[in-house]
Protein backbone atom coordinates (compact mmCIF):
# COMPACT_ATOMS: atom_id res chain seq x y z
CA MET A 1 10.23 31.46 -2.79
CA SER A 2 8.20 34.44 -3.80
CA VAL A 3 7.68 36.92 -1.01
CA GLU A 4 4.21 38.38 -0.78
CA THR A 5 2.68 40.59 1.89
CA ARG A 6 -0.47 38.46 2.08
CA LEU A 7 -0.53 34.69 1.64
CA GLU A 8 -3.59 33.18 -0.02
CA ASN A 9 -3.51 30.22 2.35
CA ALA A 10 -1.76 31.59 5.41
CA ASN A 11 -2.35 28.51 7.55
CA PRO A 12 -2.20 25.37 5.35
CA LEU A 13 -2.57 21.85 6.72
CA ILE A 14 0.78 20.08 6.89
CA TYR A 15 0.96 16.34 6.23
CA GLN A 16 3.58 13.80 7.24
CA ARG A 17 6.05 12.80 4.56
CA SER A 18 5.92 9.19 3.42
CA GLY A 19 8.92 6.99 4.05
CA GLU A 20 11.85 6.77 1.73
CA ARG A 21 11.77 4.10 -0.95
CA LEU A 22 13.81 1.01 -0.14
CA LEU A 23 16.27 0.34 -2.94
CA THR A 24 16.91 -3.22 -4.09
CA ALA A 25 20.05 -4.59 -5.68
CA GLU A 26 18.24 -4.47 -9.04
CA ASP A 27 17.42 -0.77 -8.51
CA GLU A 28 21.11 -0.01 -8.08
CA ASP A 29 22.32 -2.32 -10.88
CA GLU A 30 22.95 -0.12 -13.92
CA ASP A 31 23.02 -3.18 -16.19
CA PHE A 32 19.45 -4.11 -15.25
CA ALA A 33 16.74 -2.23 -17.16
CA ASP A 34 13.94 -1.76 -14.66
CA PRO A 35 10.73 -0.01 -15.75
CA ILE A 36 9.88 3.40 -14.36
CA ASP A 37 7.03 3.09 -11.86
CA ASP A 38 4.60 5.33 -9.96
CA ARG A 39 6.81 5.51 -6.87
CA GLU A 40 9.86 6.56 -8.88
CA ILE A 41 7.89 9.46 -10.38
CA PHE A 42 6.47 10.39 -6.98
CA ASP A 43 10.00 10.43 -5.56
CA LEU A 44 10.99 12.92 -8.28
CA ILE A 45 8.19 15.39 -7.52
CA ARG A 46 7.50 14.99 -3.78
CA SER A 47 10.24 17.39 -2.69
CA ILE A 48 9.34 20.23 -5.09
CA ASN A 49 9.03 23.41 -3.02
CA ASP A 50 5.72 25.18 -2.76
CA PRO A 51 6.03 28.69 -4.27
CA GLU A 52 4.25 30.29 -1.30
CA HIS A 53 5.32 28.28 1.77
CA PRO A 54 8.64 26.82 2.96
CA LEU A 55 7.18 23.33 2.56
CA SER A 56 7.28 20.63 -0.08
CA LEU A 57 4.34 19.70 -2.29
CA GLU A 58 4.17 16.39 -0.44
CA GLU A 59 3.99 18.10 2.97
CA LEU A 60 1.04 20.16 1.72
CA ASN A 61 -0.58 17.05 0.18
CA VAL A 62 -0.53 18.75 -3.22
CA VAL A 63 1.05 15.59 -4.66
CA GLU A 64 0.33 12.03 -3.52
CA GLN A 65 1.65 8.74 -4.82
CA VAL A 66 -1.91 7.48 -5.48
CA ARG A 67 -2.35 10.31 -8.01
CA VAL A 68 0.71 9.33 -10.05
CA HIS A 69 0.26 6.85 -12.89
CA VAL A 70 2.96 5.44 -15.16
CA ASN A 71 2.74 3.16 -18.15
CA ASP A 72 6.38 2.46 -18.97
CA LYS A 73 5.54 0.31 -22.01
CA GLU A 74 3.52 3.15 -23.56
CA SER A 75 5.94 5.82 -22.27
CA ALA A 76 3.18 7.72 -20.48
CA VAL A 77 3.23 9.54 -17.13
CA SER A 78 0.16 11.18 -15.61
CA VAL A 79 0.27 13.29 -12.44
CA GLU A 80 -2.74 14.82 -10.72
CA PHE A 81 -2.04 17.55 -8.20
CA THR A 82 -4.40 19.12 -5.68
CA PRO A 83 -4.01 22.82 -4.84
CA THR A 84 -4.45 23.61 -1.13
CA ILE A 85 -7.37 25.97 -1.81
CA PRO A 86 -9.91 26.13 -4.69
CA HIS A 87 -8.80 29.61 -5.83
CA CYS A 88 -5.03 29.05 -5.59
CA SER A 89 -3.36 31.54 -7.93
CA MET A 90 -0.18 29.41 -7.84
CA ALA A 91 -1.81 26.35 -9.43
CA THR A 92 -0.35 26.94 -12.89
CA LEU A 93 3.11 27.59 -11.44
CA ILE A 94 2.91 24.41 -9.34
CA GLY A 95 1.82 22.37 -12.37
CA LEU A 96 4.56 23.93 -14.47
CA SER A 97 7.15 23.07 -11.82
CA ILE A 98 6.00 19.44 -11.75
CA LYS A 99 6.07 19.26 -15.54
CA VAL A 100 9.54 20.84 -15.80
CA LYS A 101 10.93 18.48 -13.14
CA LEU A 102 9.65 15.47 -15.10
CA LEU A 103 10.81 16.86 -18.47
CA ARG A 104 14.30 17.33 -17.04
CA SER A 105 14.39 13.94 -15.31
CA LEU A 106 12.76 11.46 -17.70
CA PRO A 107 13.88 10.14 -21.07
CA ASP A 108 12.46 12.04 -24.06
CA ARG A 109 10.25 9.08 -25.00
CA PHE A 110 7.79 9.87 -22.20
CA LYS A 111 4.58 11.82 -22.76
CA ILE A 112 3.95 13.78 -19.58
CA ASP A 113 0.44 14.80 -18.52
CA VAL A 114 0.18 17.06 -15.47
CA HIS A 115 -3.27 18.21 -14.42
CA ILE A 116 -5.34 19.34 -11.46
CA THR A 117 -7.30 16.71 -9.53
CA PRO A 118 -10.86 17.01 -10.89
CA GLY A 119 -13.14 19.23 -8.84
CA THR A 120 -10.44 20.79 -6.65
CA HIS A 121 -9.83 24.17 -8.32
CA ALA A 122 -12.09 26.95 -9.60
CA SER A 123 -10.07 27.38 -12.84
CA GLU A 124 -9.28 23.70 -13.34
CA GLN A 125 -10.03 23.62 -17.09
CA ALA A 126 -8.02 26.76 -17.88
CA VAL A 127 -4.99 25.61 -15.86
CA ASN A 128 -5.12 22.12 -17.40
CA LYS A 129 -5.34 23.63 -20.89
CA GLN A 130 -2.23 25.73 -20.26
CA LEU A 131 -0.26 22.78 -18.86
CA ALA A 132 -1.24 20.53 -21.79
CA ASP A 133 -0.21 23.08 -24.45
CA LYS A 134 3.44 22.46 -25.42
CA GLU A 135 3.79 25.89 -27.01
CA ARG A 136 2.48 27.69 -23.90
CA VAL A 137 4.81 25.68 -21.67
CA ALA A 138 7.78 26.45 -23.94
CA ALA A 139 6.86 30.16 -24.03
CA ALA A 140 6.52 30.24 -20.24
CA LEU A 141 9.99 28.75 -19.88
CA GLU A 142 11.44 31.45 -22.15
CA ASN A 143 10.35 34.05 -19.59
CA SER A 144 13.48 34.47 -17.46
CA HIS A 145 11.59 35.62 -14.35
CA LEU A 146 9.14 32.70 -14.51
CA LEU A 147 11.98 30.25 -15.15
CA GLU A 148 13.79 31.61 -12.09
CA VAL A 149 10.70 31.02 -9.94
CA VAL A 150 10.31 27.48 -11.32
CA ASN A 151 13.99 26.79 -10.61
CA GLN A 152 13.49 28.01 -7.03
CA CYS A 153 10.63 25.55 -6.63
CA LEU A 154 12.88 22.77 -7.96
CA SER A 155 15.96 23.67 -5.91
CA SER A 156 16.95 21.77 -2.81
CA ARG A 157 16.29 23.51 0.46
CA ILE A 158 19.38 24.72 2.26
């Protein structure tokens, strides 16, 4: 986590984590091709660490299952995320972390759209434009410092 002297949102609301997904025999059967669904994507991103707080994106209500949409047949995944405050300077980093997690976890056939929940951030259009631009995302991931911060967000808590 990045250490700053002053947190933008020093006292965020903390939400209860949703229950774990119950796995069926079909889920565990490697010979059965089950489609990727909203809950599976949510399970991938819910535990991403917030860059400012020692909490997950789910615990801060930045990501919710109702804001995840998957169309397996069309190989499309859409995730809306909601920053904790309208002027959150970490919004692009959070979106990048979500996108990287999905790029690393999903088959290449998927088109991944990560964007801010409409009306929840002052720079919504600019952040969404950056996250939708493949070249900007690739350039950001070539920055070793930024990649290290993203990897910290994606790492498991000890």
